[in-house]
Amino acid sequence: MITRFLTSVRTSFNPFTRPGKTARSFLALLPPNARQNMKVDVKTLPRASQDPASLGLSFKDGKEMSLDLNKLKIKDVMEEVDRHSRLLARQEELSNG
């Protein structure tokens, strides 16, 4: 997963539910120095919470992405992040070359 174009990650989830697993897996895929390069905000909900799991991402170009973790699995989330990151990488390549 391409994370160098992410500027912030916001997530709230109940770790005991299936959508919580997607959020935990996404956080595990972030590089070890992620908190130095981007703002990471994690809100863990209590076990009895009925609030939906959410994942919000901000990219260097200003695009905000809000993903519904009740509908998406980790591969779908990675695909969405990589799709936009590849677009930004291509734009960066074209502007430098």
PDB file of N, CA and C in Angstrom:
ATOM      1  N   MET A   1       0.851  -1.169   0.000  1.00  0.00           N
ATOM      2  CA  MET A   1       0.000   0.000   0.000  1.00  0.00           C
ATOM      3  C   MET A   1       0.900   1.236   0.000  1.00  0.00           C
ATOM      4  N   ILE A   2       0.584   2.190  -0.856  1.00  0.00           N
ATOM      5  CA  ILE A   2       1.365   3.419  -0.999  1.00  0.00           C
ATOM      6  C   ILE A   2       0.851   4.443   0.017  1.00  0.00           C
ATOM      7  N   THR A   3       1.695   4.793   0.993  1.00  0.00           N
ATOM      8  CA  THR A   3       1.259   5.695   2.058  1.00  0.00           C
ATOM      9  C   THR A   3       1.985   7.030   2.045  1.00  0.00           C
ATOM     10  N   ARG A   4       2.909   7.243   1.125  1.00  0.00           N
ATOM     11  CA  ARG A   4       3.719   8.469   1.200  1.00  0.00           C
ATOM     12  C   ARG A   4       2.929   9.728   0.872  1.00  0.00           C
ATOM     13  N   PHE A   5       1.756   9.608   0.266  1.00  0.00           N
ATOM     14  CA  PHE A   5       0.942  10.775  -0.061  1.00  0.00           C
ATOM     15  C   PHE A   5      -0.142  11.050   0.967  1.00  0.00           C
ATOM     16  N   LEU A   6      -0.250  10.221   2.004  1.00  0.00           N
ATOM     17  CA  LEU A   6      -1.242  10.444   3.061  1.00  0.00           C
ATOM     18  C   LEU A   6      -0.739  11.524   4.008  1.00  0.00           C
ATOM     19  N   THR A   7      -1.630  12.434   4.398  1.00  0.00           N
ATOM     20  CA  THR A   7      -1.261  13.449   5.386  1.00  0.00           C
ATOM     21  C   THR A   7      -1.940  13.206   6.723  1.00  0.00           C
ATOM     22  N   SER A   8      -3.123  12.585   6.707  1.00  0.00           N
ATOM     23  CA  SER A   8      -3.780  12.267   7.976  1.00  0.00           C
ATOM     24  C   SER A   8      -4.692  11.059   7.818  1.00  0.00           C
ATOM     25  N   VAL A   9      -4.804  10.335   8.929  1.00  0.00           N
ATOM     26  CA  VAL A   9      -5.663   9.152   9.012  1.00  0.00           C
ATOM     27  C   VAL A   9      -6.514   9.312  10.260  1.00  0.00           C
ATOM     28  N   ARG A  10      -7.840   9.225  10.101  1.00  0.00           N
ATOM     29  CA  ARG A  10      -8.761   9.294  11.223  1.00  0.00           C
ATOM     30  C   ARG A  10      -9.631   8.050  11.193  1.00  0.00           C
ATOM     31  N   THR A  11      -9.679   7.353  12.300  1.00  0.00           N
ATOM     32  CA  THR A  11     -10.514   6.161  12.332  1.00  0.00           C
ATOM     33  C   THR A  11     -11.175   6.013  13.695  1.00  0.00           C
ATOM     34  N   SER A  12     -12.378   5.485  13.675  1.00  0.00           N
ATOM     35  CA  SER A  12     -13.067   5.127  14.918  1.00  0.00           C
ATOM     36  C   SER A  12     -13.709   3.771  14.662  1.00  0.00           C
ATOM     37  N   PHE A  13     -13.532   2.863  15.605  1.00  0.00           N
ATOM     38  CA  PHE A  13     -14.024   1.513  15.409  1.00  0.00           C
ATOM     39  C   PHE A  13     -14.157   0.774  16.727  1.00  0.00           C
ATOM     40  N   ASN A  14     -15.015  -0.222  16.716  1.00  0.00           N
ATOM     41  CA  ASN A  14     -15.153  -1.159  17.817  1.00  0.00           C
ATOM     42  C   ASN A  14     -14.260  -2.348  17.466  1.00  0.00           C
ATOM     43  N   PRO A  15     -13.205  -2.611  18.230  1.00  0.00           N
ATOM     44  CA  PRO A  15     -12.256  -3.656  17.845  1.00  0.00           C
ATOM     45  C   PRO A  15     -12.829  -5.075  17.891  1.00  0.00           C
ATOM     46  N   PHE A  16     -14.031  -5.233  18.414  1.00  0.00           N
ATOM     47  CA  PHE A  16     -14.608  -6.568  18.549  1.00  0.00           C
ATOM     48  C   PHE A  16     -15.582  -6.924  17.428  1.00  0.00           C
ATOM     49  N   THR A  17     -15.684  -6.055  16.417  1.00  0.00           N
ATOM     50  CA  THR A  17     -16.605  -6.320  15.313  1.00  0.00           C
ATOM     51  C   THR A  17     -15.817  -6.568  14.027  1.00  0.00           C
ATOM     52  N   ARG A  18     -16.512  -7.066  13.001  1.00  0.00           N
ATOM     53  CA  ARG A  18     -15.853  -7.319  11.718  1.00  0.00           C
ATOM     54  C   ARG A  18     -15.311  -6.041  11.083  1.00  0.00           C
ATOM     55  N   PRO A  19     -16.075  -4.941  11.046  1.00  0.00           N
ATOM     56  CA  PRO A  19     -15.495  -3.706  10.497  1.00  0.00           C
ATOM     57  C   PRO A  19     -14.290  -3.206  11.308  1.00  0.00           C
ATOM     58  N   GLY A  20     -14.254  -3.537  12.579  1.00  0.00           N
ATOM     59  CA  GLY A  20     -13.113  -3.175  13.410  1.00  0.00           C
ATOM     60  C   GLY A  20     -11.849  -3.879  12.959  1.00  0.00           C
ATOM     61  N   LYS A  21     -12.011  -5.091  12.452  1.00  0.00           N
ATOM     62  CA  LYS A  21     -10.853  -5.833  11.957  1.00  0.00           C
ATOM     63  C   LYS A  21     -10.247  -5.129  10.751  1.00  0.00           C
ATOM     64  N   THR A  22     -11.086  -4.581   9.895  1.00  0.00           N
ATOM     65  CA  THR A  22     -10.602  -3.849   8.725  1.00  0.00           C
ATOM     66  C   THR A  22      -9.797  -2.627   9.172  1.00  0.00           C
ATOM     67  N   ALA A  23     -10.299  -1.903  10.146  1.00  0.00           N
ATOM     68  CA  ALA A  23      -9.587  -0.719  10.649  1.00  0.00           C
ATOM     69  C   ALA A  23      -8.264  -1.119  11.302  1.00  0.00           C
ATOM     70  N   ARG A  24      -8.267  -2.170  12.090  1.00  0.00           N
ATOM     71  CA  ARG A  24      -7.026  -2.638  12.731  1.00  0.00           C
ATOM     72  C   ARG A  24      -6.005  -3.073  11.687  1.00  0.00           C
ATOM     73  N   SER A  25      -6.469  -3.762  10.660  1.00  0.00           N
ATOM     74  CA  SER A  25      -5.561  -4.214   9.600  1.00  0.00           C
ATOM     75  C   SER A  25      -4.968  -3.028   8.842  1.00  0.00           C
ATOM     76  N   PHE A  26      -5.789  -2.001   8.586  1.00  0.00           N
ATOM     77  CA  PHE A  26      -5.289  -0.813   7.895  1.00  0.00           C
ATOM     78  C   PHE A  26      -4.219  -0.127   8.737  1.00  0.00           C
ATOM     79  N   LEU A  27      -4.471   0.023  10.027  1.00  0.00           N
ATOM     80  CA  LEU A  27      -3.489   0.665  10.905  1.00  0.00           C
ATOM     81  C   LEU A  27      -2.203  -0.146  10.979  1.00  0.00           C
ATOM     82  N   ALA A  28      -2.315  -1.462  10.921  1.00  0.00           N
ATOM     83  CA  ALA A  28      -1.131  -2.320  10.961  1.00  0.00           C
ATOM     84  C   ALA A  28      -0.292  -2.180   9.686  1.00  0.00           C
ATOM     85  N   LEU A  29      -0.917  -1.789   8.582  1.00  0.00           N
ATOM     86  CA  LEU A  29      -0.199  -1.642   7.318  1.00  0.00           C
ATOM     87  C   LEU A  29       0.549  -0.317   7.207  1.00  0.00           C
ATOM     88  N   LEU A  30       0.273   0.620   8.105  1.00  0.00           N
ATOM     89  CA  LEU A  30       0.991   1.895   8.079  1.00  0.00           C
ATOM     90  C   LEU A  30       2.442   1.657   8.475  1.00  0.00           C
ATOM     91  N   PRO A  31       3.368   2.401   7.880  1.00  0.00           N
ATOM     92  CA  PRO A  31       4.785   2.204   8.215  1.00  0.00           C
ATOM     93  C   PRO A  31       5.082   2.627   9.657  1.00  0.00           C
ATOM     94  N   PRO A  32       6.172   2.128  10.225  1.00  0.00           N
ATOM     95  CA  PRO A  32       6.512   2.454  11.621  1.00  0.00           C
ATOM     96  C   PRO A  32       6.678   3.952  11.896  1.00  0.00           C
ATOM     97  N   ASN A  33       7.111   4.711  10.903  1.00  0.00           N
ATOM     98  CA  ASN A  33       7.308   6.155  11.102  1.00  0.00           C
ATOM     99  C   ASN A  33       6.082   6.957  10.686  1.00  0.00           C
ATOM    100  N   ALA A  34       4.923   6.344  10.628  1.00  0.00           N
ATOM    101  CA  ALA A  34       3.710   7.014  10.153  1.00  0.00           C
ATOM    102  C   ALA A  34       3.346   8.230  11.000  1.00  0.00           C
ATOM    103  N   ARG A  35       3.511   8.140  12.295  1.00  0.00           N
ATOM    104  CA  ARG A  35       3.131   9.266  13.158  1.00  0.00           C
ATOM    105  C   ARG A  35       4.055  10.460  12.994  1.00  0.00           C
ATOM    106  N   GLN A  36       5.228  10.257  12.431  1.00  0.00           N
ATOM    107  CA  GLN A  36       6.136  11.371  12.159  1.00  0.00           C
ATOM    108  C   GLN A  36       5.774  12.073  10.854  1.00  0.00           C
ATOM    109  N   ASN A  37       5.237  11.317   9.897  1.00  0.00           N
ATOM    110  CA  ASN A  37       4.958  11.861   8.572  1.00  0.00           C
ATOM    111  C   ASN A  37       3.507  12.278   8.376  1.00  0.00           C
ATOM    112  N   MET A  38       2.608  11.770   9.193  1.00  0.00           N
ATOM    113  CA  MET A  38       1.190  12.079   9.031  1.00  0.00           C
ATOM    114  C   MET A  38       0.519  12.121  10.394  1.00  0.00           C
ATOM    115  N   LYS A  39      -0.638  12.737  10.424  1.00  0.00           N
ATOM    116  CA  LYS A  39      -1.412  12.791  11.664  1.00  0.00           C
ATOM    117  C   LYS A  39      -2.292  11.537  11.725  1.00  0.00           C
ATOM    118  N   VAL A  40      -2.165  10.768  12.786  1.00  0.00           N
ATOM    119  CA  VAL A  40      -2.947   9.548  12.955  1.00  0.00           C
ATOM    120  C   VAL A  40      -3.821   9.716  14.191  1.00  0.00           C
ATOM    121  N   ASP A  41      -5.135   9.668  13.984  1.00  0.00           N
ATOM    122  CA  ASP A  41      -6.100   9.824  15.066  1.00  0.00           C
ATOM    123  C   ASP A  41      -6.951   8.560  15.136  1.00  0.00           C
ATOM    124  N   VAL A  42      -6.819   7.835  16.242  1.00  0.00           N
ATOM    125  CA  VAL A  42      -7.540   6.573  16.411  1.00  0.00           C
ATOM    126  C   VAL A  42      -8.481   6.699  17.600  1.00  0.00           C
ATOM    127  N   LYS A  43      -9.742   6.385  17.369  1.00  0.00           N
ATOM    128  CA  LYS A  43     -10.734   6.389  18.442  1.00  0.00           C
ATOM    129  C   LYS A  43     -11.285   4.971  18.560  1.00  0.00           C
ATOM    130  N   THR A  44     -11.013   4.338  19.690  1.00  0.00           N
ATOM    131  CA  THR A  44     -11.504   2.989  19.927  1.00  0.00           C
ATOM    132  C   THR A  44     -12.818   3.079  20.683  1.00  0.00           C
ATOM    133  N   LEU A  45     -13.855   2.496  20.123  1.00  0.00           N
ATOM    134  CA  LEU A  45     -15.182   2.522  20.731  1.00  0.00           C
ATOM    135  C   LEU A  45     -15.336   1.369  21.712  1.00  0.00           C
ATOM    136  N   PRO A  46     -16.189   1.507  22.714  1.00  0.00           N
ATOM    137  CA  PRO A  46     -16.403   0.413  23.664  1.00  0.00           C
ATOM    138  C   PRO A  46     -17.120  -0.768  23.007  1.00  0.00           C
ATOM    139  N   ARG A  47     -17.032  -1.919  23.636  1.00  0.00           N
ATOM    140  CA  ARG A  47     -17.585  -3.151  23.092  1.00  0.00           C
ATOM    141  C   ARG A  47     -19.085  -3.038  22.796  1.00  0.00           C
ATOM    142  N   ALA A  48     -19.831  -2.343  23.627  1.00  0.00           N
ATOM    143  CA  ALA A  48     -21.286  -2.242  23.471  1.00  0.00           C
ATOM    144  C   ALA A  48     -21.704  -1.160  22.466  1.00  0.00           C
ATOM    145  N   SER A  49     -20.761  -0.428  21.925  1.00  0.00           N
ATOM    146  CA  SER A  49     -21.080   0.675  21.017  1.00  0.00           C
ATOM    147  C   SER A  49     -21.708   0.174  19.724  1.00  0.00           C
ATOM    148  N   GLN A  50     -22.715   0.898  19.268  1.00  0.00           N
ATOM    149  CA  GLN A  50     -23.368   0.582  18.000  1.00  0.00           C
ATOM    150  C   GLN A  50     -22.982   1.577  16.901  1.00  0.00           C
ATOM    151  N   ASP A  51     -22.053   2.477  17.198  1.00  0.00           N
ATOM    152  CA  ASP A  51     -21.601   3.447  16.196  1.00  0.00           C
ATOM    153  C   ASP A  51     -20.898   2.718  15.053  1.00  0.00           C
ATOM    154  N   PRO A  52     -21.103   3.170  13.819  1.00  0.00           N
ATOM    155  CA  PRO A  52     -20.454   2.503  12.687  1.00  0.00           C
ATOM    156  C   PRO A  52     -18.957   2.799  12.647  1.00  0.00           C
ATOM    157  N   ALA A  53     -18.198   1.853  12.137  1.00  0.00           N
ATOM    158  CA  ALA A  53     -16.756   2.037  11.976  1.00  0.00           C
ATOM    159  C   ALA A  53     -16.516   2.979  10.796  1.00  0.00           C
ATOM    160  N   SER A  54     -15.541   3.872  10.950  1.00  0.00           N
ATOM    161  CA  SER A  54     -15.257   4.819   9.873  1.00  0.00           C
ATOM    162  C   SER A  54     -13.755   5.001   9.722  1.00  0.00           C
ATOM    163  N   LEU A  55     -13.372   5.378   8.516  1.00  0.00           N
ATOM    164  CA  LEU A  55     -11.974   5.643   8.201  1.00  0.00           C
ATOM    165  C   LEU A  55     -11.937   6.870   7.308  1.00  0.00           C
ATOM    166  N   GLY A  56     -11.249   7.902   7.771  1.00  0.00           N
ATOM    167  CA  GLY A  56     -11.110   9.129   6.990  1.00  0.00           C
ATOM    168  C   GLY A  56      -9.656   9.340   6.638  1.00  0.00           C
ATOM    169  N   LEU A  57      -9.396   9.672   5.386  1.00  0.00           N
ATOM    170  CA  LEU A  57      -8.027   9.864   4.908  1.00  0.00           C
ATOM    171  C   LEU A  57      -7.904  11.222   4.244  1.00  0.00           C
ATOM    172  N   SER A  58      -6.757  11.863   4.424  1.00  0.00           N
ATOM    173  CA  SER A  58      -6.443  13.109   3.723  1.00  0.00           C
ATOM    174  C   SER A  58      -5.149  12.894   2.960  1.00  0.00           C
ATOM    175  N   PHE A  59      -5.118  13.389   1.729  1.00  0.00           N
ATOM    176  CA  PHE A  59      -3.947  13.248   0.881  1.00  0.00           C
ATOM    177  C   PHE A  59      -3.257  14.586   0.703  1.00  0.00           C
ATOM    178  N   LYS A  60      -2.029  14.563   0.194  1.00  0.00           N
ATOM    179  CA  LYS A  60      -1.235  15.777   0.025  1.00  0.00           C
ATOM    180  C   LYS A  60      -1.858  16.774  -0.939  1.00  0.00           C
ATOM    181  N   ASP A  61      -2.670  16.297  -1.872  1.00  0.00           N
ATOM    182  CA  ASP A  61      -3.306  17.208  -2.821  1.00  0.00           C
ATOM    183  C   ASP A  61      -4.583  17.837  -2.265  1.00  0.00           C
ATOM    184  N   GLY A  62      -4.936  17.502  -1.010  1.00  0.00           N
ATOM    185  CA  GLY A  62      -6.102  18.076  -0.366  1.00  0.00           C
ATOM    186  C   GLY A  62      -7.347  17.216  -0.446  1.00  0.00           C
ATOM    187  N   LYS A  63      -7.284  16.121  -1.166  1.00  0.00           N
ATOM    188  CA  LYS A  63      -8.454  15.251  -1.299  1.00  0.00           C
ATOM    189  C   LYS A  63      -8.744  14.573   0.031  1.00  0.00           C
ATOM    190  N   GLU A  64     -10.014  14.598   0.402  1.00  0.00           N
ATOM    191  CA  GLU A  64     -10.497  13.932   1.611  1.00  0.00           C
ATOM    192  C   GLU A  64     -11.259  12.685   1.170  1.00  0.00           C
ATOM    193  N   MET A  65     -10.967  11.563   1.788  1.00  0.00           N
ATOM    194  CA  MET A  65     -11.633  10.315   1.452  1.00  0.00           C
ATOM    195  C   MET A  65     -12.244   9.758   2.733  1.00  0.00           C
ATOM    196  N   SER A  66     -13.530   9.495   2.705  1.00  0.00           N
ATOM    197  CA  SER A  66     -14.214   8.910   3.851  1.00  0.00           C
ATOM    198  C   SER A  66     -14.731   7.537   3.428  1.00  0.00           C
ATOM    199  N   LEU A  67     -14.262   6.502   4.090  1.00  0.00           N
ATOM    200  CA  LEU A  67     -14.604   5.136   3.706  1.00  0.00           C
ATOM    201  C   LEU A  67     -15.495   4.486   4.759  1.00  0.00           C
ATOM    202  N   ASP A  68     -16.515   3.804   4.287  1.00  0.00           N
ATOM    203  CA  ASP A  68     -17.442   3.097   5.165  1.00  0.00           C
ATOM    204  C   ASP A  68     -16.923   1.678   5.370  1.00  0.00           C
ATOM    205  N   LEU A  69     -16.421   1.391   6.555  1.00  0.00           N
ATOM    206  CA  LEU A  69     -15.818   0.088   6.816  1.00  0.00           C
ATOM    207  C   LEU A  69     -16.844  -1.020   6.996  1.00  0.00           C
ATOM    208  N   ASN A  70     -18.124  -0.663   7.108  1.00  0.00           N
ATOM    209  CA  ASN A  70     -19.162  -1.698   7.183  1.00  0.00           C
ATOM    210  C   ASN A  70     -19.354  -2.370   5.830  1.00  0.00           C
ATOM    211  N   LYS A  71     -19.001  -1.670   4.751  1.00  0.00           N
ATOM    212  CA  LYS A  71     -19.187  -2.211   3.405  1.00  0.00           C
ATOM    213  C   LYS A  71     -17.890  -2.683   2.770  1.00  0.00           C
ATOM    214  N   LEU A  72     -16.755  -2.146   3.212  1.00  0.00           N
ATOM    215  CA  LEU A  72     -15.472  -2.441   2.574  1.00  0.00           C
ATOM    216  C   LEU A  72     -14.612  -3.361   3.427  1.00  0.00           C
ATOM    217  N   LYS A  73     -13.873  -4.223   2.769  1.00  0.00           N
ATOM    218  CA  LYS A  73     -12.883  -5.062   3.444  1.00  0.00           C
ATOM    219  C   LYS A  73     -11.523  -4.432   3.214  1.00  0.00           C
ATOM    220  N   ILE A  74     -10.485  -4.991   3.845  1.00  0.00           N
ATOM    221  CA  ILE A  74      -9.159  -4.380   3.804  1.00  0.00           C
ATOM    222  C   ILE A  74      -8.621  -4.290   2.378  1.00  0.00           C
ATOM    223  N   LYS A  75      -8.876  -5.274   1.547  1.00  0.00           N
ATOM    224  CA  LYS A  75      -8.391  -5.210   0.154  1.00  0.00           C
ATOM    225  C   LYS A  75      -9.047  -4.067  -0.609  1.00  0.00           C
ATOM    226  N   ASP A  76     -10.331  -3.826  -0.338  1.00  0.00           N
ATOM    227  CA  ASP A  76     -11.035  -2.719  -0.990  1.00  0.00           C
ATOM    228  C   ASP A  76     -10.470  -1.371  -0.541  1.00  0.00           C
ATOM    229  N   VAL A  77     -10.173  -1.246   0.746  1.00  0.00           N
ATOM    230  CA  VAL A  77      -9.604  -0.010   1.283  1.00  0.00           C
ATOM    231  C   VAL A  77      -8.227   0.233   0.668  1.00  0.00           C
ATOM    232  N   MET A  78      -7.400  -0.816   0.628  1.00  0.00           N
ATOM    233  CA  MET A  78      -6.065  -0.690   0.042  1.00  0.00           C
ATOM    234  C   MET A  78      -6.147  -0.298  -1.432  1.00  0.00           C
ATOM    235  N   GLU A  79      -7.101  -0.856  -2.138  1.00  0.00           N
ATOM    236  CA  GLU A  79      -7.286  -0.541  -3.555  1.00  0.00           C
ATOM    237  C   GLU A  79      -7.633   0.937  -3.749  1.00  0.00           C
ATOM    238  N   GLU A  80      -8.525   1.464  -2.912  1.00  0.00           N
ATOM    239  CA  GLU A  80      -8.913   2.876  -3.008  1.00  0.00           C
ATOM    240  C   GLU A  80      -7.727   3.795  -2.720  1.00  0.00           C
ATOM    241  N   VAL A  81      -6.960   3.484  -1.670  1.00  0.00           N
ATOM    242  CA  VAL A  81      -5.804   4.304  -1.302  1.00  0.00           C
ATOM    243  C   VAL A  81      -4.748   4.240  -2.405  1.00  0.00           C
ATOM    244  N   ASP A  82      -4.461   3.047  -2.895  1.00  0.00           N
ATOM    245  CA  ASP A  82      -3.455   2.894  -3.945  1.00  0.00           C
ATOM    246  C   ASP A  82      -3.868   3.575  -5.237  1.00  0.00           C
ATOM    247  N   ARG A  83      -5.146   3.538  -5.559  1.00  0.00           N
ATOM    248  CA  ARG A  83      -5.625   4.169  -6.793  1.00  0.00           C
ATOM    249  C   ARG A  83      -5.317   5.665  -6.774  1.00  0.00           C
ATOM    250  N   HIS A  84      -5.652   6.327  -5.694  1.00  0.00           N
ATOM    251  CA  HIS A  84      -5.405   7.769  -5.627  1.00  0.00           C
ATOM    252  C   HIS A  84      -3.904   8.057  -5.477  1.00  0.00           C
ATOM    253  N   SER A  85      -3.185   7.233  -4.743  1.00  0.00           N
ATOM    254  CA  SER A  85      -1.746   7.441  -4.562  1.00  0.00           C
ATOM    255  C   SER A  85      -0.992   7.275  -5.877  1.00  0.00           C
ATOM    256  N   ARG A  86      -1.400   6.323  -6.703  1.00  0.00           N
ATOM    257  CA  ARG A  86      -0.762   6.151  -8.009  1.00  0.00           C
ATOM    258  C   ARG A  86      -1.010   7.376  -8.895  1.00  0.00           C
ATOM    259  N   LEU A  87      -2.210   7.944  -8.803  1.00  0.00           N
ATOM    260  CA  LEU A  87      -2.536   9.155  -9.556  1.00  0.00           C
ATOM    261  C   LEU A  87      -1.629  10.306  -9.120  1.00  0.00           C
ATOM    262  N   LEU A  88      -1.440  10.446  -7.814  1.00  0.00           N
ATOM    263  CA  LEU A  88      -0.562  11.509  -7.302  1.00  0.00           C
ATOM    264  C   LEU A  88       0.891  11.260  -7.692  1.00  0.00           C
ATOM    265  N   ALA A  89       1.329  10.004  -7.675  1.00  0.00           N
ATOM    266  CA  ALA A  89       2.698   9.670  -8.072  1.00  0.00           C
ATOM    267  C   ALA A  89       2.917  10.000  -9.546  1.00  0.00           C
ATOM    268  N   ARG A  90       1.925   9.703 -10.375  1.00  0.00           N
ATOM    269  CA  ARG A  90       2.022  10.002 -11.806  1.00  0.00           C
ATOM    270  C   ARG A  90       2.100  11.515 -12.023  1.00  0.00           C
ATOM    271  N   GLN A  91       1.286  12.269 -11.306  1.00  0.00           N
ATOM    272  CA  GLN A  91       1.321  13.736 -11.425  1.00  0.00           C
ATOM    273  C   GLN A  91       2.676  14.289 -10.977  1.00  0.00           C
ATOM    274  N   GLU A  92       3.220  13.735  -9.897  1.00  0.00           N
ATOM    275  CA  GLU A  92       4.520  14.171  -9.394  1.00  0.00           C
ATOM    276  C   GLU A  92       5.623  13.872 -10.409  1.00  0.00           C
ATOM    277  N   GLU A  93       5.538  12.700 -11.024  1.00  0.00           N
ATOM    278  CA  GLU A  93       6.507  12.295 -12.037  1.00  0.00           C
ATOM    279  C   GLU A  93       6.471  13.239 -13.236  1.00  0.00           C
ATOM    280  N   LEU A  94       5.272  13.567 -13.680  1.00  0.00           N
ATOM    281  CA  LEU A  94       5.117  14.434 -14.841  1.00  0.00           C
ATOM    282  C   LEU A  94       5.584  15.863 -14.559  1.00  0.00           C
ATOM    283  N   SER A  95       5.363  16.339 -13.338  1.00  0.00           N
ATOM    284  CA  SER A  95       5.757  17.720 -13.020  1.00  0.00           C
ATOM    285  C   SER A  95       7.278  17.835 -12.812  1.00  0.00           C
ATOM    286  N   ASN A  96       7.923  16.747 -12.397  1.00  0.00           N
ATOM    287  CA  ASN A  96       9.380  16.764 -12.193  1.00  0.00           C
ATOM    288  C   ASN A  96      10.154  16.492 -13.477  1.00  0.00           C
ATOM    289  N   GLY A  97       9.518  15.810 -14.411  1.00  0.00           N
ATOM    290  CA  GLY A  97      10.245  15.364 -15.595  1.00  0.00           C
ATOM    291  C   GLY A  97      10.070  16.240 -16.740  1.00  0.00           C
TER     292      GLY A  97
END
